[in-house]
N, C-alpha and C. Protein backbone atom coordinates (compact mmCIF):
# COMPACT_ATOMS: atom_id res chain seq x y z
N UNK A 1 31.60 -156.87 -31.29
CA UNK A 1 33.04 -156.91 -31.04
C UNK A 1 33.28 -156.47 -29.61
N UNK A 2 34.25 -157.10 -28.98
CA UNK A 2 34.67 -156.68 -27.65
C UNK A 2 36.19 -156.56 -27.64
N UNK A 3 36.71 -155.98 -26.59
CA UNK A 3 38.12 -155.66 -26.50
C UNK A 3 39.01 -156.91 -26.60
N UNK A 4 38.64 -157.98 -25.95
CA UNK A 4 39.47 -159.19 -25.96
C UNK A 4 39.47 -159.84 -27.34
N UNK A 5 38.33 -159.88 -27.99
CA UNK A 5 38.24 -160.46 -29.33
C UNK A 5 39.08 -159.66 -30.32
N UNK A 6 38.97 -158.35 -30.27
CA UNK A 6 39.75 -157.51 -31.18
C UNK A 6 41.24 -157.70 -30.91
N UNK A 7 41.63 -157.70 -29.66
CA UNK A 7 43.04 -157.85 -29.29
C UNK A 7 43.60 -159.17 -29.81
N UNK A 8 42.88 -160.24 -29.63
CA UNK A 8 43.34 -161.55 -30.13
C UNK A 8 43.49 -161.54 -31.64
N UNK A 9 42.56 -160.93 -32.33
CA UNK A 9 42.65 -160.83 -33.79
C UNK A 9 43.84 -159.98 -34.22
N UNK A 10 44.06 -158.87 -33.53
CA UNK A 10 45.17 -157.96 -33.87
C UNK A 10 46.53 -158.60 -33.65
N UNK A 11 46.62 -159.55 -32.76
CA UNK A 11 47.89 -160.22 -32.48
C UNK A 11 48.43 -160.96 -33.70
N UNK A 12 47.59 -161.24 -34.66
CA UNK A 12 48.02 -161.97 -35.84
C UNK A 12 48.67 -161.13 -36.92
N UNK A 13 48.90 -159.86 -36.66
CA UNK A 13 49.46 -158.96 -37.69
C UNK A 13 50.82 -158.43 -37.26
N UNK A 14 51.80 -158.60 -38.11
CA UNK A 14 53.21 -158.38 -37.81
C UNK A 14 53.61 -156.92 -37.56
N UNK A 15 53.05 -155.99 -38.27
CA UNK A 15 53.54 -154.61 -38.22
C UNK A 15 52.82 -153.72 -37.22
N UNK A 16 51.92 -154.29 -36.45
CA UNK A 16 51.20 -153.49 -35.47
C UNK A 16 51.45 -154.02 -34.06
N UNK A 17 51.30 -153.15 -33.11
CA UNK A 17 51.30 -153.52 -31.71
C UNK A 17 49.85 -153.82 -31.37
N UNK A 18 49.54 -155.06 -31.04
CA UNK A 18 48.15 -155.48 -30.85
C UNK A 18 47.44 -154.67 -29.78
N UNK A 19 48.12 -154.39 -28.67
CA UNK A 19 47.48 -153.61 -27.62
C UNK A 19 47.22 -152.18 -28.09
N UNK A 20 48.21 -151.55 -28.71
CA UNK A 20 48.04 -150.18 -29.20
C UNK A 20 46.94 -150.10 -30.25
N UNK A 21 46.89 -151.07 -31.15
CA UNK A 21 45.84 -151.09 -32.18
C UNK A 21 44.47 -151.27 -31.53
N UNK A 22 44.39 -152.08 -30.50
CA UNK A 22 43.12 -152.28 -29.78
C UNK A 22 42.69 -151.00 -29.10
N UNK A 23 43.63 -150.33 -28.44
CA UNK A 23 43.34 -149.05 -27.79
C UNK A 23 42.83 -148.05 -28.82
N UNK A 24 43.56 -147.93 -29.93
CA UNK A 24 43.18 -146.97 -30.96
C UNK A 24 41.80 -147.30 -31.51
N UNK A 25 41.53 -148.56 -31.78
CA UNK A 25 40.24 -148.94 -32.34
C UNK A 25 39.11 -148.72 -31.34
N UNK A 26 39.35 -149.06 -30.08
CA UNK A 26 38.32 -148.84 -29.05
C UNK A 26 37.99 -147.35 -28.96
N UNK A 27 39.03 -146.52 -29.02
CA UNK A 27 38.80 -145.07 -28.97
C UNK A 27 38.05 -144.59 -30.21
N UNK A 28 38.56 -144.95 -31.38
CA UNK A 28 38.00 -144.46 -32.65
C UNK A 28 36.54 -144.87 -32.86
N UNK A 29 36.15 -146.02 -32.33
CA UNK A 29 34.82 -146.57 -32.61
C UNK A 29 33.86 -146.50 -31.43
N UNK A 30 34.28 -145.88 -30.34
CA UNK A 30 33.42 -145.87 -29.15
C UNK A 30 33.17 -147.29 -28.68
N UNK A 31 34.26 -148.04 -28.54
CA UNK A 31 34.20 -149.45 -28.14
C UNK A 31 33.37 -150.27 -29.13
N UNK A 32 33.59 -150.03 -30.40
CA UNK A 32 33.00 -150.78 -31.51
C UNK A 32 31.49 -150.63 -31.61
N UNK A 33 31.01 -149.44 -31.22
CA UNK A 33 29.57 -149.15 -31.32
C UNK A 33 29.25 -148.10 -32.38
N UNK A 34 30.26 -147.47 -32.96
CA UNK A 34 30.03 -146.37 -33.90
C UNK A 34 29.45 -146.88 -35.22
N UNK A 35 28.87 -145.96 -35.94
CA UNK A 35 28.34 -146.27 -37.28
C UNK A 35 29.48 -146.75 -38.19
N UNK A 36 30.63 -146.13 -38.06
CA UNK A 36 31.77 -146.50 -38.90
C UNK A 36 32.17 -147.96 -38.68
N UNK A 37 32.07 -148.43 -37.46
CA UNK A 37 32.38 -149.84 -37.20
C UNK A 37 31.21 -150.74 -37.60
N UNK A 38 30.03 -150.36 -37.18
CA UNK A 38 28.85 -151.20 -37.42
C UNK A 38 28.56 -151.41 -38.91
N UNK A 39 28.79 -150.38 -39.72
CA UNK A 39 28.46 -150.47 -41.15
C UNK A 39 29.67 -150.68 -42.05
N UNK A 40 30.88 -150.46 -41.53
CA UNK A 40 32.05 -150.52 -42.41
C UNK A 40 33.25 -151.27 -41.82
N UNK A 41 33.15 -151.76 -40.60
CA UNK A 41 34.28 -152.42 -39.93
C UNK A 41 35.55 -151.59 -40.01
N UNK A 42 35.41 -150.28 -40.02
CA UNK A 42 36.57 -149.40 -40.05
C UNK A 42 36.90 -149.06 -38.60
N UNK A 43 37.93 -149.68 -38.08
CA UNK A 43 38.27 -149.55 -36.67
C UNK A 43 39.24 -148.45 -36.32
N UNK A 44 39.63 -147.63 -37.28
CA UNK A 44 40.60 -146.58 -36.96
C UNK A 44 40.36 -145.30 -37.73
N UNK A 45 39.20 -145.14 -38.29
CA UNK A 45 38.89 -143.91 -39.01
C UNK A 45 39.73 -143.70 -40.26
N UNK A 46 40.06 -144.78 -40.95
CA UNK A 46 40.88 -144.67 -42.16
C UNK A 46 40.02 -144.10 -43.28
N UNK A 47 40.46 -142.98 -43.79
CA UNK A 47 39.69 -142.29 -44.83
C UNK A 47 39.91 -142.94 -46.20
N UNK A 48 38.92 -142.76 -47.05
CA UNK A 48 38.96 -143.30 -48.42
C UNK A 48 39.25 -142.16 -49.38
N UNK A 49 40.45 -142.13 -49.92
CA UNK A 49 40.79 -141.09 -50.89
C UNK A 49 40.13 -141.43 -52.24
N UNK A 50 40.29 -140.53 -53.19
CA UNK A 50 39.65 -140.70 -54.51
C UNK A 50 40.08 -142.00 -55.18
N UNK A 51 41.33 -142.37 -55.01
CA UNK A 51 41.83 -143.62 -55.61
C UNK A 51 41.08 -144.83 -55.04
N UNK A 52 40.91 -144.86 -53.72
CA UNK A 52 40.18 -145.95 -53.07
C UNK A 52 38.74 -145.99 -53.58
N UNK A 53 38.11 -144.82 -53.67
CA UNK A 53 36.69 -144.75 -54.02
C UNK A 53 36.41 -145.17 -55.46
N UNK A 54 37.43 -145.24 -56.30
CA UNK A 54 37.22 -145.66 -57.69
C UNK A 54 36.67 -147.08 -57.80
N UNK A 55 37.20 -147.99 -56.97
CA UNK A 55 36.81 -149.38 -57.14
C UNK A 55 36.64 -150.17 -55.84
N UNK A 56 36.65 -149.45 -54.70
CA UNK A 56 36.48 -150.13 -53.41
C UNK A 56 35.35 -149.47 -52.64
N UNK A 57 34.73 -150.24 -51.75
CA UNK A 57 33.59 -149.68 -51.00
C UNK A 57 34.03 -148.63 -49.97
N UNK A 58 33.13 -147.68 -49.74
CA UNK A 58 33.39 -146.62 -48.77
C UNK A 58 32.07 -146.17 -48.17
N UNK A 59 32.17 -145.38 -47.13
CA UNK A 59 31.00 -144.88 -46.41
C UNK A 59 31.23 -143.40 -46.12
N UNK A 60 30.21 -142.60 -46.35
CA UNK A 60 30.30 -141.17 -46.01
C UNK A 60 29.72 -140.99 -44.61
N UNK A 61 30.50 -140.35 -43.75
CA UNK A 61 30.12 -140.19 -42.34
C UNK A 61 30.46 -138.78 -41.88
N UNK A 62 29.57 -138.21 -41.08
CA UNK A 62 29.83 -136.93 -40.43
C UNK A 62 30.66 -137.24 -39.19
N UNK A 63 31.85 -136.64 -39.12
CA UNK A 63 32.75 -136.97 -38.02
C UNK A 63 33.39 -135.71 -37.45
N UNK A 64 33.81 -135.79 -36.18
CA UNK A 64 34.46 -134.63 -35.56
C UNK A 64 35.88 -134.46 -36.09
N UNK A 65 36.26 -133.23 -36.29
CA UNK A 65 37.62 -132.87 -36.70
C UNK A 65 38.08 -131.78 -35.74
N UNK A 66 39.37 -131.50 -35.76
CA UNK A 66 39.93 -130.46 -34.89
C UNK A 66 40.89 -129.60 -35.69
N UNK A 67 40.75 -128.30 -35.53
CA UNK A 67 41.68 -127.37 -36.17
C UNK A 67 41.94 -126.22 -35.20
N UNK A 68 43.20 -125.93 -34.98
CA UNK A 68 43.61 -124.83 -34.10
C UNK A 68 42.97 -124.94 -32.71
N UNK A 69 42.83 -126.18 -32.22
CA UNK A 69 42.29 -126.39 -30.88
C UNK A 69 40.78 -126.35 -30.77
N UNK A 70 40.08 -126.21 -31.88
CA UNK A 70 38.61 -126.18 -31.86
C UNK A 70 38.05 -127.36 -32.64
N UNK A 71 36.93 -127.86 -32.17
CA UNK A 71 36.28 -128.99 -32.83
C UNK A 71 35.16 -128.50 -33.74
N UNK A 72 34.96 -129.24 -34.82
CA UNK A 72 33.86 -129.00 -35.75
C UNK A 72 33.54 -130.34 -36.41
N UNK A 73 32.43 -130.40 -37.10
CA UNK A 73 32.04 -131.63 -37.80
C UNK A 73 32.10 -131.42 -39.30
N UNK A 74 32.47 -132.49 -39.99
CA UNK A 74 32.44 -132.44 -41.45
C UNK A 74 32.15 -133.84 -41.98
N UNK A 75 31.65 -133.89 -43.20
CA UNK A 75 31.42 -135.17 -43.85
C UNK A 75 32.70 -135.60 -44.54
N UNK A 76 33.04 -136.86 -44.34
CA UNK A 76 34.24 -137.42 -44.96
C UNK A 76 33.93 -138.82 -45.47
N UNK A 77 34.76 -139.27 -46.39
CA UNK A 77 34.65 -140.63 -46.91
C UNK A 77 35.62 -141.53 -46.16
N UNK A 78 35.12 -142.69 -45.75
CA UNK A 78 35.93 -143.65 -45.01
C UNK A 78 35.91 -145.00 -45.71
N UNK A 79 37.02 -145.70 -45.59
CA UNK A 79 37.12 -147.02 -46.19
C UNK A 79 36.13 -147.97 -45.52
N UNK A 80 35.58 -148.85 -46.34
CA UNK A 80 34.63 -149.85 -45.85
C UNK A 80 35.25 -151.23 -46.05
N UNK A 81 35.12 -152.08 -45.04
CA UNK A 81 35.70 -153.42 -45.06
C UNK A 81 34.61 -154.47 -44.89
N UNK A 82 34.92 -155.67 -45.33
CA UNK A 82 33.94 -156.76 -45.24
C UNK A 82 33.97 -157.48 -43.90
N UNK A 83 35.03 -157.27 -43.12
CA UNK A 83 35.16 -157.96 -41.84
C UNK A 83 36.22 -157.27 -40.98
N UNK A 84 36.26 -157.58 -39.68
CA UNK A 84 37.33 -157.04 -38.84
C UNK A 84 38.72 -157.49 -39.33
N UNK A 85 38.82 -158.71 -39.81
CA UNK A 85 40.11 -159.21 -40.30
C UNK A 85 40.56 -158.44 -41.55
N UNK A 86 39.64 -158.10 -42.44
CA UNK A 86 40.04 -157.35 -43.64
C UNK A 86 40.44 -155.92 -43.25
N UNK A 87 39.77 -155.35 -42.25
CA UNK A 87 40.20 -154.05 -41.75
C UNK A 87 41.62 -154.14 -41.21
N UNK A 88 41.89 -155.12 -40.34
CA UNK A 88 43.20 -155.23 -39.73
C UNK A 88 44.30 -155.49 -40.76
N UNK A 89 44.00 -156.23 -41.81
CA UNK A 89 45.00 -156.46 -42.87
C UNK A 89 45.36 -155.14 -43.55
N UNK A 90 44.37 -154.31 -43.85
CA UNK A 90 44.62 -153.02 -44.47
C UNK A 90 45.31 -152.07 -43.50
N UNK A 91 44.87 -152.06 -42.27
CA UNK A 91 45.48 -151.22 -41.22
C UNK A 91 46.95 -151.60 -41.04
N UNK A 92 47.25 -152.89 -40.99
CA UNK A 92 48.61 -153.39 -40.87
C UNK A 92 49.49 -152.86 -42.00
N UNK A 93 48.96 -152.91 -43.22
CA UNK A 93 49.69 -152.40 -44.39
C UNK A 93 49.87 -150.88 -44.31
N UNK A 94 48.84 -150.18 -43.87
CA UNK A 94 48.91 -148.72 -43.74
C UNK A 94 49.97 -148.32 -42.71
N UNK A 95 50.00 -149.01 -41.60
CA UNK A 95 51.02 -148.72 -40.57
C UNK A 95 52.41 -148.96 -41.15
N UNK A 96 52.59 -150.10 -41.79
CA UNK A 96 53.90 -150.43 -42.37
C UNK A 96 54.33 -149.39 -43.41
N UNK A 97 53.42 -148.99 -44.26
CA UNK A 97 53.73 -148.10 -45.38
C UNK A 97 53.79 -146.63 -44.98
N UNK A 98 52.78 -146.17 -44.26
CA UNK A 98 52.64 -144.74 -43.99
C UNK A 98 53.10 -144.29 -42.60
N UNK A 99 53.24 -145.22 -41.67
CA UNK A 99 53.62 -144.87 -40.30
C UNK A 99 54.76 -145.77 -39.83
N UNK A 100 55.88 -145.75 -40.53
CA UNK A 100 56.97 -146.68 -40.22
C UNK A 100 57.63 -146.44 -38.86
N UNK A 101 57.35 -145.30 -38.21
CA UNK A 101 57.92 -145.04 -36.89
C UNK A 101 57.07 -145.64 -35.77
N UNK A 102 55.93 -146.21 -36.10
CA UNK A 102 55.14 -146.93 -35.09
C UNK A 102 55.92 -148.19 -34.70
N UNK A 103 56.21 -148.31 -33.44
CA UNK A 103 57.04 -149.41 -32.98
C UNK A 103 56.18 -150.58 -32.53
N UNK A 104 56.23 -151.70 -33.23
CA UNK A 104 55.43 -152.85 -32.80
C UNK A 104 55.83 -153.38 -31.43
N UNK A 105 57.06 -153.05 -30.97
CA UNK A 105 57.53 -153.58 -29.69
C UNK A 105 57.13 -152.74 -28.49
N UNK A 106 56.49 -151.58 -28.70
CA UNK A 106 56.21 -150.69 -27.57
C UNK A 106 55.00 -149.81 -27.87
N UNK A 107 53.99 -149.89 -27.01
CA UNK A 107 52.76 -149.15 -27.29
C UNK A 107 52.96 -147.64 -27.26
N UNK A 108 53.79 -147.11 -26.36
CA UNK A 108 53.98 -145.66 -26.31
C UNK A 108 54.73 -145.19 -27.56
N UNK A 109 55.71 -145.96 -27.99
CA UNK A 109 56.41 -145.64 -29.23
C UNK A 109 55.50 -145.76 -30.44
N UNK A 110 54.57 -146.70 -30.36
CA UNK A 110 53.59 -146.87 -31.43
C UNK A 110 52.72 -145.63 -31.55
N UNK A 111 52.19 -145.17 -30.41
CA UNK A 111 51.37 -143.95 -30.43
C UNK A 111 52.18 -142.75 -30.92
N UNK A 112 53.44 -142.64 -30.49
CA UNK A 112 54.29 -141.53 -30.94
C UNK A 112 54.49 -141.61 -32.45
N UNK A 113 54.60 -142.82 -32.98
CA UNK A 113 54.77 -143.00 -34.42
C UNK A 113 53.59 -142.53 -35.24
N UNK A 114 52.42 -142.48 -34.62
CA UNK A 114 51.22 -141.98 -35.31
C UNK A 114 51.34 -140.48 -35.60
N UNK A 115 52.31 -139.82 -34.98
CA UNK A 115 52.56 -138.40 -35.21
C UNK A 115 53.71 -138.16 -36.19
N UNK A 116 54.29 -139.24 -36.70
CA UNK A 116 55.44 -139.11 -37.60
C UNK A 116 55.21 -139.92 -38.87
N UNK A 117 54.04 -139.76 -39.44
CA UNK A 117 53.68 -140.50 -40.64
C UNK A 117 54.27 -139.90 -41.90
N UNK A 118 54.31 -140.71 -42.92
CA UNK A 118 54.83 -140.30 -44.23
C UNK A 118 54.08 -139.09 -44.77
N UNK A 119 52.76 -139.01 -44.46
CA UNK A 119 51.93 -137.92 -44.95
C UNK A 119 51.47 -136.99 -43.82
N UNK A 120 52.07 -137.13 -42.65
CA UNK A 120 51.68 -136.31 -41.51
C UNK A 120 51.18 -137.18 -40.36
N UNK A 121 50.47 -136.55 -39.44
CA UNK A 121 49.99 -137.29 -38.27
C UNK A 121 48.67 -138.00 -38.59
N UNK A 122 48.35 -138.99 -37.76
CA UNK A 122 47.18 -139.83 -37.99
C UNK A 122 45.88 -139.05 -37.90
N UNK A 123 45.72 -138.28 -36.85
CA UNK A 123 44.42 -137.66 -36.56
C UNK A 123 44.55 -136.14 -36.48
N UNK A 124 43.45 -135.46 -36.74
CA UNK A 124 43.45 -134.01 -36.61
C UNK A 124 43.20 -133.57 -35.16
N UNK A 125 42.70 -134.45 -34.34
CA UNK A 125 42.34 -134.11 -32.96
C UNK A 125 43.59 -133.71 -32.17
N UNK A 126 43.59 -132.49 -31.67
CA UNK A 126 44.74 -131.98 -30.92
C UNK A 126 44.94 -132.69 -29.58
N UNK A 127 43.96 -133.47 -29.14
CA UNK A 127 44.08 -134.22 -27.89
C UNK A 127 44.17 -135.73 -28.13
N UNK A 128 44.47 -136.11 -29.36
CA UNK A 128 44.47 -137.52 -29.74
C UNK A 128 45.43 -138.37 -28.89
N UNK A 129 46.66 -137.90 -28.73
CA UNK A 129 47.64 -138.66 -27.95
C UNK A 129 47.15 -138.86 -26.51
N UNK A 130 46.63 -137.80 -25.93
CA UNK A 130 46.13 -137.90 -24.56
C UNK A 130 44.96 -138.87 -24.47
N UNK A 131 44.07 -138.84 -25.43
CA UNK A 131 42.92 -139.75 -25.43
C UNK A 131 43.37 -141.19 -25.57
N UNK A 132 44.36 -141.44 -26.42
CA UNK A 132 44.89 -142.80 -26.55
C UNK A 132 45.56 -143.24 -25.25
N UNK A 133 46.31 -142.35 -24.62
CA UNK A 133 46.98 -142.68 -23.37
C UNK A 133 45.97 -143.02 -22.27
N UNK A 134 44.91 -142.24 -22.18
CA UNK A 134 43.88 -142.51 -21.17
C UNK A 134 43.18 -143.85 -21.44
N UNK A 135 42.90 -144.12 -22.70
CA UNK A 135 42.25 -145.38 -23.06
C UNK A 135 43.18 -146.56 -22.75
N UNK A 136 44.48 -146.38 -23.01
CA UNK A 136 45.45 -147.45 -22.71
C UNK A 136 45.45 -147.77 -21.22
N UNK A 137 45.44 -146.74 -20.39
CA UNK A 137 45.40 -146.96 -18.94
C UNK A 137 44.13 -147.72 -18.55
N UNK A 138 43.01 -147.37 -19.14
CA UNK A 138 41.75 -148.03 -18.79
C UNK A 138 41.70 -149.48 -19.25
N UNK A 139 42.44 -149.82 -20.30
CA UNK A 139 42.41 -151.20 -20.82
C UNK A 139 43.54 -152.08 -20.29
N UNK A 140 44.50 -151.48 -19.60
CA UNK A 140 45.65 -152.26 -19.12
C UNK A 140 45.22 -153.45 -18.28
N UNK A 141 44.32 -153.24 -17.33
CA UNK A 141 43.94 -154.33 -16.42
C UNK A 141 43.16 -155.44 -17.12
N UNK A 142 42.59 -155.14 -18.27
CA UNK A 142 41.83 -156.15 -19.02
C UNK A 142 42.76 -157.01 -19.87
N UNK A 143 43.77 -156.39 -20.49
CA UNK A 143 44.57 -157.10 -21.49
C UNK A 143 46.03 -157.37 -21.10
N UNK A 144 46.57 -156.62 -20.15
CA UNK A 144 47.99 -156.74 -19.82
C UNK A 144 48.20 -157.01 -18.34
N UNK A 145 49.42 -157.38 -18.01
CA UNK A 145 49.75 -157.58 -16.60
C UNK A 145 49.94 -156.23 -15.92
N UNK A 146 49.70 -156.22 -14.62
CA UNK A 146 49.85 -154.98 -13.85
C UNK A 146 51.28 -154.46 -13.96
N UNK A 147 51.40 -153.16 -14.21
CA UNK A 147 52.71 -152.53 -14.31
C UNK A 147 53.28 -152.54 -15.72
N UNK A 148 52.59 -153.16 -16.66
CA UNK A 148 53.09 -153.23 -18.03
C UNK A 148 53.28 -151.83 -18.64
N UNK A 149 52.31 -150.96 -18.43
CA UNK A 149 52.41 -149.62 -19.02
C UNK A 149 53.58 -148.84 -18.46
N UNK A 150 53.85 -148.98 -17.19
CA UNK A 150 54.99 -148.28 -16.58
C UNK A 150 56.31 -148.82 -17.13
N UNK A 151 56.42 -150.15 -17.25
CA UNK A 151 57.63 -150.74 -17.82
C UNK A 151 57.80 -150.30 -19.28
N UNK A 152 56.70 -150.28 -19.99
CA UNK A 152 56.73 -149.87 -21.39
C UNK A 152 57.13 -148.40 -21.53
N UNK A 153 56.68 -147.58 -20.59
CA UNK A 153 57.03 -146.16 -20.57
C UNK A 153 58.54 -145.98 -20.37
N UNK A 154 59.10 -146.71 -19.42
CA UNK A 154 60.55 -146.63 -19.18
C UNK A 154 61.33 -147.06 -20.41
N UNK A 155 60.88 -148.11 -21.05
CA UNK A 155 61.52 -148.61 -22.27
C UNK A 155 61.45 -147.55 -23.38
N UNK A 156 60.29 -146.93 -23.54
CA UNK A 156 60.11 -145.90 -24.58
C UNK A 156 61.03 -144.71 -24.34
N UNK A 157 61.21 -144.35 -23.09
CA UNK A 157 62.12 -143.25 -22.76
C UNK A 157 63.56 -143.66 -23.08
N UNK A 158 63.95 -144.87 -22.66
CA UNK A 158 65.31 -145.36 -22.93
C UNK A 158 65.61 -145.41 -24.43
N UNK A 159 64.61 -145.74 -25.23
CA UNK A 159 64.78 -145.87 -26.69
C UNK A 159 64.60 -144.53 -27.42
N UNK A 160 64.25 -143.48 -26.68
CA UNK A 160 64.03 -142.15 -27.26
C UNK A 160 62.88 -142.13 -28.27
N UNK A 161 61.84 -142.89 -27.98
CA UNK A 161 60.66 -142.94 -28.84
C UNK A 161 59.77 -141.71 -28.68
N UNK A 162 59.86 -141.05 -27.53
CA UNK A 162 58.88 -140.02 -27.17
C UNK A 162 59.45 -138.61 -27.19
N UNK A 163 58.58 -137.66 -27.52
CA UNK A 163 58.91 -136.25 -27.40
C UNK A 163 58.53 -135.78 -25.99
N UNK A 164 59.06 -134.67 -25.57
CA UNK A 164 58.81 -134.17 -24.21
C UNK A 164 57.33 -134.00 -23.92
N UNK A 165 56.57 -133.46 -24.86
CA UNK A 165 55.14 -133.24 -24.62
C UNK A 165 54.40 -134.57 -24.44
N UNK A 166 54.85 -135.62 -25.10
CA UNK A 166 54.23 -136.94 -24.96
C UNK A 166 54.57 -137.54 -23.59
N UNK A 167 55.80 -137.36 -23.16
CA UNK A 167 56.22 -137.84 -21.84
C UNK A 167 55.35 -137.20 -20.76
N UNK A 168 55.13 -135.90 -20.86
CA UNK A 168 54.32 -135.20 -19.86
C UNK A 168 52.89 -135.74 -19.83
N UNK A 169 52.33 -136.01 -20.98
CA UNK A 169 50.96 -136.55 -21.02
C UNK A 169 50.91 -137.93 -20.37
N UNK A 170 51.86 -138.78 -20.71
CA UNK A 170 51.87 -140.14 -20.14
C UNK A 170 52.03 -140.07 -18.63
N UNK A 171 52.95 -139.25 -18.16
CA UNK A 171 53.14 -139.12 -16.71
C UNK A 171 51.84 -138.66 -16.04
N UNK A 172 51.16 -137.74 -16.64
CA UNK A 172 49.91 -137.21 -16.06
C UNK A 172 48.81 -138.27 -16.02
N UNK A 173 48.65 -139.04 -17.08
CA UNK A 173 47.55 -140.01 -17.10
C UNK A 173 47.85 -141.27 -16.30
N UNK A 174 49.12 -141.55 -16.03
CA UNK A 174 49.45 -142.75 -15.24
C UNK A 174 49.53 -142.48 -13.74
N UNK A 175 49.30 -141.23 -13.32
CA UNK A 175 49.33 -140.91 -11.88
C UNK A 175 48.20 -141.57 -11.15
């Protein structure tokens, strides 16, 4: 898998922002080289709860977690998919159902929505937003026109999608 292929595939799903989903997946999978991607096509670290594990495939993986600003490793169960398209279909549904504040029209609002989920925030990593922002900046020249992130940032501010701490992070990484 490469960034352009994933992005093109993600564009076919209504409830996600294709660029934001590509950024998130590239980050979560180490550019699609992780065990979770290679063995399970899980592009966003979606965990498999007990209900999922009853009748759907899953993979147990040792992964980094963050609590109170410190990192540690633990074994967790993750959903397993048969293809990138089946992952994206489930991810699309998860965003629609559990992260309704993710804005398909704006990548910064989409990332902010990952912190306002029905069951809490997407990731335990205390630097997750910053990591996504940095990855977005690195992928802009590959997938978007120059200046897209800055225009998107202005739009997100105008729409009140972002909290102050998120604005500060975006300003810092776009310098």
